[in-house]
Amino acid sequence: MRGTLADPQTILVKYGPQLNTILQERSNSVVERTKKAADEYVENFLACNEEAVRTESGLVYCSMVEGTGKQPAVTDTVEVQ
């Protein structure tokens, strides 16, 4: 192929599936490393912060200031900062 120009469509058809496989494997690897790092971060955060709470859905939070006002009803609209 050296010295000759190949049709881009032919190259894409020939090498595209192989390239997609390589890119998918690399992406999956990055995703898995990121998930592992995030899980370790959350576990460390929970271990270092006694006030931290993990909900059933997995949300982790620390209540900075407990409110003393009225609790909103299901039909109320609230603003969260």
PDB file of N, CA and C in Angstrom:
ATOM      1  N   MET A   1       0.818  -1.174   0.000  1.00  0.00           N
ATOM      2  CA  MET A   1       0.000   0.000   0.000  1.00  0.00           C
ATOM      3  C   MET A   1       0.877   1.258   0.000  1.00  0.00           C
ATOM      4  N   ARG A   2       2.121   1.118   0.325  1.00  0.00           N
ATOM      5  CA  ARG A   2       3.024   2.247   0.338  1.00  0.00           C
ATOM      6  C   ARG A   2       3.177   2.812  -1.069  1.00  0.00           C
ATOM      7  N   GLY A   3       3.049   4.121  -1.172  1.00  0.00           N
ATOM      8  CA  GLY A   3       3.188   4.767  -2.455  1.00  0.00           C
ATOM      9  C   GLY A   3       1.890   4.836  -3.243  1.00  0.00           C
ATOM     10  N   THR A   4       0.851   4.171  -2.786  1.00  0.00           N
ATOM     11  CA  THR A   4      -0.432   4.204  -3.464  1.00  0.00           C
ATOM     12  C   THR A   4      -1.481   4.762  -2.508  1.00  0.00           C
ATOM     13  N   LEU A   5      -2.375   5.516  -3.029  1.00  0.00           N
ATOM     14  CA  LEU A   5      -3.461   6.036  -2.207  1.00  0.00           C
ATOM     15  C   LEU A   5      -4.621   5.051  -2.243  1.00  0.00           C
ATOM     16  N   ALA A   6      -5.006   4.584  -1.084  1.00  0.00           N
ATOM     17  CA  ALA A   6      -6.126   3.648  -1.016  1.00  0.00           C
ATOM     18  C   ALA A   6      -7.401   4.440  -0.773  1.00  0.00           C
ATOM     19  N   ASP A   7      -8.480   3.873  -1.185  1.00  0.00           N
ATOM     20  CA  ASP A   7      -9.784   4.484  -0.982  1.00  0.00           C
ATOM     21  C   ASP A   7     -10.094   4.519   0.518  1.00  0.00           C
ATOM     22  N   PRO A   8     -10.413   5.693   1.074  1.00  0.00           N
ATOM     23  CA  PRO A   8     -10.684   5.782   2.518  1.00  0.00           C
ATOM     24  C   PRO A   8     -11.810   4.855   2.975  1.00  0.00           C
ATOM     25  N   GLN A   9     -12.819   4.686   2.161  1.00  0.00           N
ATOM     26  CA  GLN A   9     -13.934   3.803   2.513  1.00  0.00           C
ATOM     27  C   GLN A   9     -13.456   2.361   2.636  1.00  0.00           C
ATOM     28  N   THR A  10     -12.589   1.938   1.746  1.00  0.00           N
ATOM     29  CA  THR A  10     -12.043   0.580   1.782  1.00  0.00           C
ATOM     30  C   THR A  10     -11.223   0.373   3.049  1.00  0.00           C
ATOM     31  N   ILE A  11     -10.426   1.365   3.396  1.00  0.00           N
ATOM     32  CA  ILE A  11      -9.607   1.281   4.617  1.00  0.00           C
ATOM     33  C   ILE A  11     -10.511   1.201   5.844  1.00  0.00           C
ATOM     34  N   LEU A  12     -11.556   2.028   5.865  1.00  0.00           N
ATOM     35  CA  LEU A  12     -12.480   2.031   6.999  1.00  0.00           C
ATOM     36  C   LEU A  12     -13.189   0.691   7.138  1.00  0.00           C
ATOM     37  N   VAL A  13     -13.625   0.136   6.049  1.00  0.00           N
ATOM     38  CA  VAL A  13     -14.315  -1.160   6.090  1.00  0.00           C
ATOM     39  C   VAL A  13     -13.358  -2.256   6.553  1.00  0.00           C
ATOM     40  N   LYS A  14     -12.124  -2.187   6.092  1.00  0.00           N
ATOM     41  CA  LYS A  14     -11.153  -3.233   6.416  1.00  0.00           C
ATOM     42  C   LYS A  14     -10.672  -3.144   7.865  1.00  0.00           C
ATOM     43  N   TYR A  15     -10.326  -1.941   8.318  1.00  0.00           N
ATOM     44  CA  TYR A  15      -9.701  -1.788   9.637  1.00  0.00           C
ATOM     45  C   TYR A  15     -10.633  -1.229  10.719  1.00  0.00           C
ATOM     46  N   GLY A  16     -11.773  -0.704  10.323  1.00  0.00           N
ATOM     47  CA  GLY A  16     -12.697  -0.102  11.279  1.00  0.00           C
ATOM     48  C   GLY A  16     -13.117  -1.022  12.417  1.00  0.00           C
ATOM     49  N   PRO A  17     -13.578  -2.245  12.126  1.00  0.00           N
ATOM     50  CA  PRO A  17     -13.998  -3.148  13.203  1.00  0.00           C
ATOM     51  C   PRO A  17     -12.865  -3.465  14.189  1.00  0.00           C
ATOM     52  N   GLN A  18     -11.646  -3.657  13.664  1.00  0.00           N
ATOM     53  CA  GLN A  18     -10.503  -3.931  14.552  1.00  0.00           C
ATOM     54  C   GLN A  18     -10.222  -2.720  15.441  1.00  0.00           C
ATOM     55  N   LEU A  19     -10.268  -1.550  14.842  1.00  0.00           N
ATOM     56  CA  LEU A  19     -10.026  -0.325  15.598  1.00  0.00           C
ATOM     57  C   LEU A  19     -11.102  -0.126  16.662  1.00  0.00           C
ATOM     58  N   ASN A  20     -12.353  -0.385  16.315  1.00  0.00           N
ATOM     59  CA  ASN A  20     -13.444  -0.263  17.291  1.00  0.00           C
ATOM     60  C   ASN A  20     -13.235  -1.208  18.469  1.00  0.00           C
ATOM     61  N   THR A  21     -12.790  -2.409  18.204  1.00  0.00           N
ATOM     62  CA  THR A  21     -12.527  -3.375  19.277  1.00  0.00           C
ATOM     63  C   THR A  21     -11.430  -2.872  20.205  1.00  0.00           C
ATOM     64  N   ILE A  22     -10.354  -2.375  19.635  1.00  0.00           N
ATOM     65  CA  ILE A  22      -9.244  -1.850  20.442  1.00  0.00           C
ATOM     66  C   ILE A  22      -9.705  -0.670  21.283  1.00  0.00           C
ATOM     67  N   LEU A  23     -10.437   0.254  20.676  1.00  0.00           N
ATOM     68  CA  LEU A  23     -10.913   1.437  21.403  1.00  0.00           C
ATOM     69  C   LEU A  23     -11.900   1.057  22.508  1.00  0.00           C
ATOM     70  N   GLN A  24     -12.750   0.084  22.254  1.00  0.00           N
ATOM     71  CA  GLN A  24     -13.711  -0.365  23.267  1.00  0.00           C
ATOM     72  C   GLN A  24     -12.986  -0.991  24.460  1.00  0.00           C
ATOM     73  N   GLU A  25     -11.974  -1.804  24.180  1.00  0.00           N
ATOM     74  CA  GLU A  25     -11.203  -2.421  25.264  1.00  0.00           C
ATOM     75  C   GLU A  25     -10.500  -1.359  26.100  1.00  0.00           C
ATOM     76  N   ARG A  26      -9.915  -0.378  25.452  1.00  0.00           N
ATOM     77  CA  ARG A  26      -9.242   0.699  26.176  1.00  0.00           C
ATOM     78  C   ARG A  26     -10.230   1.511  27.002  1.00  0.00           C
ATOM     79  N   SER A  27     -11.380   1.808  26.426  1.00  0.00           N
ATOM     80  CA  SER A  27     -12.411   2.563  27.151  1.00  0.00           C
ATOM     81  C   SER A  27     -12.890   1.796  28.370  1.00  0.00           C
ATOM     82  N   ASN A  28     -13.137   0.513  28.201  1.00  0.00           N
ATOM     83  CA  ASN A  28     -13.585  -0.318  29.319  1.00  0.00           C
ATOM     84  C   ASN A  28     -12.542  -0.335  30.435  1.00  0.00           C
ATOM     85  N   SER A  29     -11.286  -0.380  30.062  1.00  0.00           N
ATOM     86  CA  SER A  29     -10.207  -0.382  31.042  1.00  0.00           C
ATOM     87  C   SER A  29     -10.198   0.924  31.835  1.00  0.00           C
ATOM     88  N   VAL A  30     -10.352   2.033  31.142  1.00  0.00           N
ATOM     89  CA  VAL A  30     -10.382   3.340  31.816  1.00  0.00           C
ATOM     90  C   VAL A  30     -11.590   3.434  32.746  1.00  0.00           C
ATOM     91  N   VAL A  31     -12.728   2.971  32.290  1.00  0.00           N
ATOM     92  CA  VAL A  31     -13.946   3.007  33.105  1.00  0.00           C
ATOM     93  C   VAL A  31     -13.770   2.175  34.367  1.00  0.00           C
ATOM     94  N   GLU A  32     -13.224   0.979  34.236  1.00  0.00           N
ATOM     95  CA  GLU A  32     -13.029   0.114  35.400  1.00  0.00           C
ATOM     96  C   GLU A  32     -12.058   0.730  36.406  1.00  0.00           C
ATOM     97  N   ARG A  33     -10.961   1.314  35.921  1.00  0.00           N
ATOM     98  CA  ARG A  33      -9.998   1.972  36.821  1.00  0.00           C
ATOM     99  C   ARG A  33     -10.645   3.153  37.533  1.00  0.00           C
ATOM    100  N   THR A  34     -11.456   3.914  36.816  1.00  0.00           N
ATOM    101  CA  THR A  34     -12.127   5.075  37.398  1.00  0.00           C
ATOM    102  C   THR A  34     -13.137   4.640  38.454  1.00  0.00           C
ATOM    103  N   LYS A  35     -13.905   3.590  38.167  1.00  0.00           N
ATOM    104  CA  LYS A  35     -14.875   3.076  39.144  1.00  0.00           C
ATOM    105  C   LYS A  35     -14.165   2.595  40.408  1.00  0.00           C
ATOM    106  N   LYS A  36     -13.068   1.879  40.234  1.00  0.00           N
ATOM    107  CA  LYS A  36     -12.314   1.371  41.383  1.00  0.00           C
ATOM    108  C   LYS A  36     -11.783   2.529  42.221  1.00  0.00           C
ATOM    109  N   ALA A  37     -11.226   3.544  41.569  1.00  0.00           N
ATOM    110  CA  ALA A  37     -10.704   4.707  42.291  1.00  0.00           C
ATOM    111  C   ALA A  37     -11.821   5.437  43.022  1.00  0.00           C
ATOM    112  N   ALA A  38     -12.986   5.553  42.403  1.00  0.00           N
ATOM    113  CA  ALA A  38     -14.123   6.226  43.035  1.00  0.00           C
ATOM    114  C   ALA A  38     -14.612   5.441  44.246  1.00  0.00           C
ATOM    115  N   ASP A  39     -14.702   4.130  44.119  1.00  0.00           N
ATOM    116  CA  ASP A  39     -15.128   3.293  45.247  1.00  0.00           C
ATOM    117  C   ASP A  39     -14.157   3.419  46.418  1.00  0.00           C
ATOM    118  N   GLU A  40     -12.865   3.413  46.121  1.00  0.00           N
ATOM    119  CA  GLU A  40     -11.858   3.561  47.177  1.00  0.00           C
ATOM    120  C   GLU A  40     -11.959   4.934  47.838  1.00  0.00           C
ATOM    121  N   TYR A  41     -12.205   5.967  47.046  1.00  0.00           N
ATOM    122  CA  TYR A  41     -12.342   7.316  47.584  1.00  0.00           C
ATOM    123  C   TYR A  41     -13.533   7.398  48.534  1.00  0.00           C
ATOM    124  N   VAL A  42     -14.662   6.845  48.123  1.00  0.00           N
ATOM    125  CA  VAL A  42     -15.862   6.887  48.957  1.00  0.00           C
ATOM    126  C   VAL A  42     -15.642   6.112  50.259  1.00  0.00           C
ATOM    127  N   GLU A  43     -15.059   4.937  50.177  1.00  0.00           N
ATOM    128  CA  GLU A  43     -14.805   4.144  51.378  1.00  0.00           C
ATOM    129  C   GLU A  43     -13.872   4.881  52.324  1.00  0.00           C
ATOM    130  N   ASN A  44     -12.833   5.501  51.787  1.00  0.00           N
ATOM    131  CA  ASN A  44     -11.906   6.276  52.606  1.00  0.00           C
ATOM    132  C   ASN A  44     -12.615   7.473  53.233  1.00  0.00           C
ATOM    133  N   PHE A  45     -13.451   8.147  52.471  1.00  0.00           N
ATOM    134  CA  PHE A  45     -14.211   9.285  52.977  1.00  0.00           C
ATOM    135  C   PHE A  45     -15.103   8.856  54.138  1.00  0.00           C
ATOM    136  N   LEU A  46     -15.796   7.743  53.972  1.00  0.00           N
ATOM    137  CA  LEU A  46     -16.672   7.252  55.037  1.00  0.00           C
ATOM    138  C   LEU A  46     -15.869   6.859  56.277  1.00  0.00           C
ATOM    139  N   ALA A  47     -14.696   6.289  56.076  1.00  0.00           N
ATOM    140  CA  ALA A  47     -13.861   5.871  57.202  1.00  0.00           C
ATOM    141  C   ALA A  47     -13.312   7.073  57.968  1.00  0.00           C
ATOM    142  N   CYS A  48     -13.068   8.165  57.266  1.00  0.00           N
ATOM    143  CA  CYS A  48     -12.467   9.358  57.888  1.00  0.00           C
ATOM    144  C   CYS A  48     -13.495  10.340  58.427  1.00  0.00           C
ATOM    145  N   ASN A  49     -14.747  10.181  58.091  1.00  0.00           N
ATOM    146  CA  ASN A  49     -15.785  11.137  58.491  1.00  0.00           C
ATOM    147  C   ASN A  49     -16.924  10.412  59.185  1.00  0.00           C
ATOM    148  N   GLU A  50     -16.928  10.497  60.501  1.00  0.00           N
ATOM    149  CA  GLU A  50     -17.965   9.808  61.264  1.00  0.00           C
ATOM    150  C   GLU A  50     -19.358  10.350  60.961  1.00  0.00           C
ATOM    151  N   GLU A  51     -19.440  11.616  60.539  1.00  0.00           N
ATOM    152  CA  GLU A  51     -20.743  12.230  60.251  1.00  0.00           C
ATOM    153  C   GLU A  51     -21.287  11.808  58.886  1.00  0.00           C
ATOM    154  N   ALA A  52     -20.443  11.229  58.050  1.00  0.00           N
ATOM    155  CA  ALA A  52     -20.857  10.862  56.696  1.00  0.00           C
ATOM    156  C   ALA A  52     -21.915   9.762  56.748  1.00  0.00           C
ATOM    157  N   VAL A  53     -22.877   9.888  55.865  1.00  0.00           N
ATOM    158  CA  VAL A  53     -23.983   8.942  55.784  1.00  0.00           C
ATOM    159  C   VAL A  53     -24.086   8.443  54.350  1.00  0.00           C
ATOM    160  N   ARG A  54     -24.285   7.139  54.196  1.00  0.00           N
ATOM    161  CA  ARG A  54     -24.542   6.566  52.870  1.00  0.00           C
ATOM    162  C   ARG A  54     -25.992   6.117  52.847  1.00  0.00           C
ATOM    163  N   THR A  55     -26.748   6.618  51.874  1.00  0.00           N
ATOM    164  CA  THR A  55     -28.151   6.245  51.755  1.00  0.00           C
ATOM    165  C   THR A  55     -28.263   4.895  51.048  1.00  0.00           C
ATOM    166  N   GLU A  56     -29.473   4.347  51.019  1.00  0.00           N
ATOM    167  CA  GLU A  56     -29.700   3.067  50.338  1.00  0.00           C
ATOM    168  C   GLU A  56     -29.342   3.142  48.864  1.00  0.00           C
ATOM    169  N   SER A  57     -29.506   4.319  48.266  1.00  0.00           N
ATOM    170  CA  SER A  57     -29.206   4.478  46.842  1.00  0.00           C
ATOM    171  C   SER A  57     -27.710   4.623  46.581  1.00  0.00           C
ATOM    172  N   GLY A  58     -26.902   4.799  47.646  1.00  0.00           N
ATOM    173  CA  GLY A  58     -25.468   4.938  47.480  1.00  0.00           C
ATOM    174  C   GLY A  58     -24.968   6.361  47.620  1.00  0.00           C
ATOM    175  N   LEU A  59     -25.877   7.317  47.745  1.00  0.00           N
ATOM    176  CA  LEU A  59     -25.491   8.705  47.935  1.00  0.00           C
ATOM    177  C   LEU A  59     -24.772   8.850  49.265  1.00  0.00           C
ATOM    178  N   VAL A  60     -23.633   9.561  49.271  1.00  0.00           N
ATOM    179  CA  VAL A  60     -22.883   9.803  50.498  1.00  0.00           C
ATOM    180  C   VAL A  60     -22.918  11.302  50.763  1.00  0.00           C
ATOM    181  N   TYR A  61     -23.263  11.684  52.010  1.00  0.00           N
ATOM    182  CA  TYR A  61     -23.304  13.102  52.332  1.00  0.00           C
ATOM    183  C   TYR A  61     -22.934  13.333  53.787  1.00  0.00           C
ATOM    184  N   CYS A  62     -22.538  14.559  54.058  1.00  0.00           N
ATOM    185  CA  CYS A  62     -22.304  15.021  55.424  1.00  0.00           C
ATOM    186  C   CYS A  62     -23.222  16.197  55.649  1.00  0.00           C
ATOM    187  N   SER A  63     -24.038  16.130  56.686  1.00  0.00           N
ATOM    188  CA  SER A  63     -24.922  17.232  57.002  1.00  0.00           C
ATOM    189  C   SER A  63     -24.099  18.299  57.708  1.00  0.00           C
ATOM    190  N   MET A  64     -23.977  19.467  57.096  1.00  0.00           N
ATOM    191  CA  MET A  64     -23.163  20.534  57.663  1.00  0.00           C
ATOM    192  C   MET A  64     -23.905  21.259  58.779  1.00  0.00           C
ATOM    193  N   VAL A  65     -25.174  21.549  58.561  1.00  0.00           N
ATOM    194  CA  VAL A  65     -25.990  22.220  59.564  1.00  0.00           C
ATOM    195  C   VAL A  65     -27.380  21.605  59.505  1.00  0.00           C
ATOM    196  N   GLU A  66     -27.791  21.032  60.612  1.00  0.00           N
ATOM    197  CA  GLU A  66     -29.134  20.457  60.667  1.00  0.00           C
ATOM    198  C   GLU A  66     -30.158  21.584  60.679  1.00  0.00           C
ATOM    199  N   GLY A  67     -31.182  21.452  59.861  1.00  0.00           N
ATOM    200  CA  GLY A  67     -32.236  22.464  59.820  1.00  0.00           C
ATOM    201  C   GLY A  67     -33.180  22.333  61.002  1.00  0.00           C
ATOM    202  N   THR A  68     -33.812  23.440  61.358  1.00  0.00           N
ATOM    203  CA  THR A  68     -34.767  23.432  62.471  1.00  0.00           C
ATOM    204  C   THR A  68     -36.144  23.884  62.021  1.00  0.00           C
ATOM    205  N   GLY A  69     -36.276  24.207  60.744  1.00  0.00           N
ATOM    206  CA  GLY A  69     -37.551  24.714  60.233  1.00  0.00           C
ATOM    207  C   GLY A  69     -38.512  23.615  59.863  1.00  0.00           C
ATOM    208  N   LYS A  70     -39.575  24.036  59.179  1.00  0.00           N
ATOM    209  CA  LYS A  70     -40.597  23.088  58.731  1.00  0.00           C
ATOM    210  C   LYS A  70     -40.013  22.142  57.703  1.00  0.00           C
ATOM    211  N   GLN A  71     -40.520  20.926  57.680  1.00  0.00           N
ATOM    212  CA  GLN A  71     -40.127  19.942  56.685  1.00  0.00           C
ATOM    213  C   GLN A  71     -41.046  20.106  55.471  1.00  0.00           C
ATOM    214  N   PRO A  72     -40.509  20.045  54.252  1.00  0.00           N
ATOM    215  CA  PRO A  72     -41.365  20.178  53.079  1.00  0.00           C
ATOM    216  C   PRO A  72     -42.263  18.955  52.897  1.00  0.00           C
ATOM    217  N   ALA A  73     -43.416  19.206  52.331  1.00  0.00           N
ATOM    218  CA  ALA A  73     -44.340  18.122  52.000  1.00  0.00           C
ATOM    219  C   ALA A  73     -44.009  17.630  50.590  1.00  0.00           C
ATOM    220  N   VAL A  74     -44.551  16.498  50.224  1.00  0.00           N
ATOM    221  CA  VAL A  74     -44.296  15.922  48.918  1.00  0.00           C
ATOM    222  C   VAL A  74     -44.743  16.879  47.804  1.00  0.00           C
ATOM    223  N   THR A  75     -45.762  17.656  48.033  1.00  0.00           N
ATOM    224  CA  THR A  75     -46.289  18.554  47.002  1.00  0.00           C
ATOM    225  C   THR A  75     -45.587  19.903  46.971  1.00  0.00           C
ATOM    226  N   ASP A  76     -44.676  20.184  47.916  1.00  0.00           N
ATOM    227  CA  ASP A  76     -43.979  21.461  47.956  1.00  0.00           C
ATOM    228  C   ASP A  76     -42.853  21.518  46.930  1.00  0.00           C
ATOM    229  N   THR A  77     -42.548  22.751  46.489  1.00  0.00           N
ATOM    230  CA  THR A  77     -41.392  22.991  45.640  1.00  0.00           C
ATOM    231  C   THR A  77     -40.300  23.557  46.521  1.00  0.00           C
ATOM    232  N   VAL A  78     -39.089  22.984  46.432  1.00  0.00           N
ATOM    233  CA  VAL A  78     -37.991  23.440  47.291  1.00  0.00           C
ATOM    234  C   VAL A  78     -36.819  23.878  46.429  1.00  0.00           C
ATOM    235  N   GLU A  79     -35.956  24.714  47.009  1.00  0.00           N
ATOM    236  CA  GLU A  79     -34.733  25.125  46.345  1.00  0.00           C
ATOM    237  C   GLU A  79     -33.570  24.572  47.155  1.00  0.00           C
ATOM    238  N   VAL A  80     -32.668  23.882  46.476  1.00  0.00           N
ATOM    239  CA  VAL A  80     -31.530  23.257  47.134  1.00  0.00           C
ATOM    240  C   VAL A  80     -30.261  23.901  46.602  1.00  0.00           C
ATOM    241  N   GLN A  81     -29.372  24.218  47.524  1.00  0.00           N
ATOM    242  CA  GLN A  81     -28.115  24.856  47.108  1.00  0.00           C
ATOM    243  C   GLN A  81     -26.964  23.935  47.329  1.00  0.00           C
TER     244      GLN A  81
END
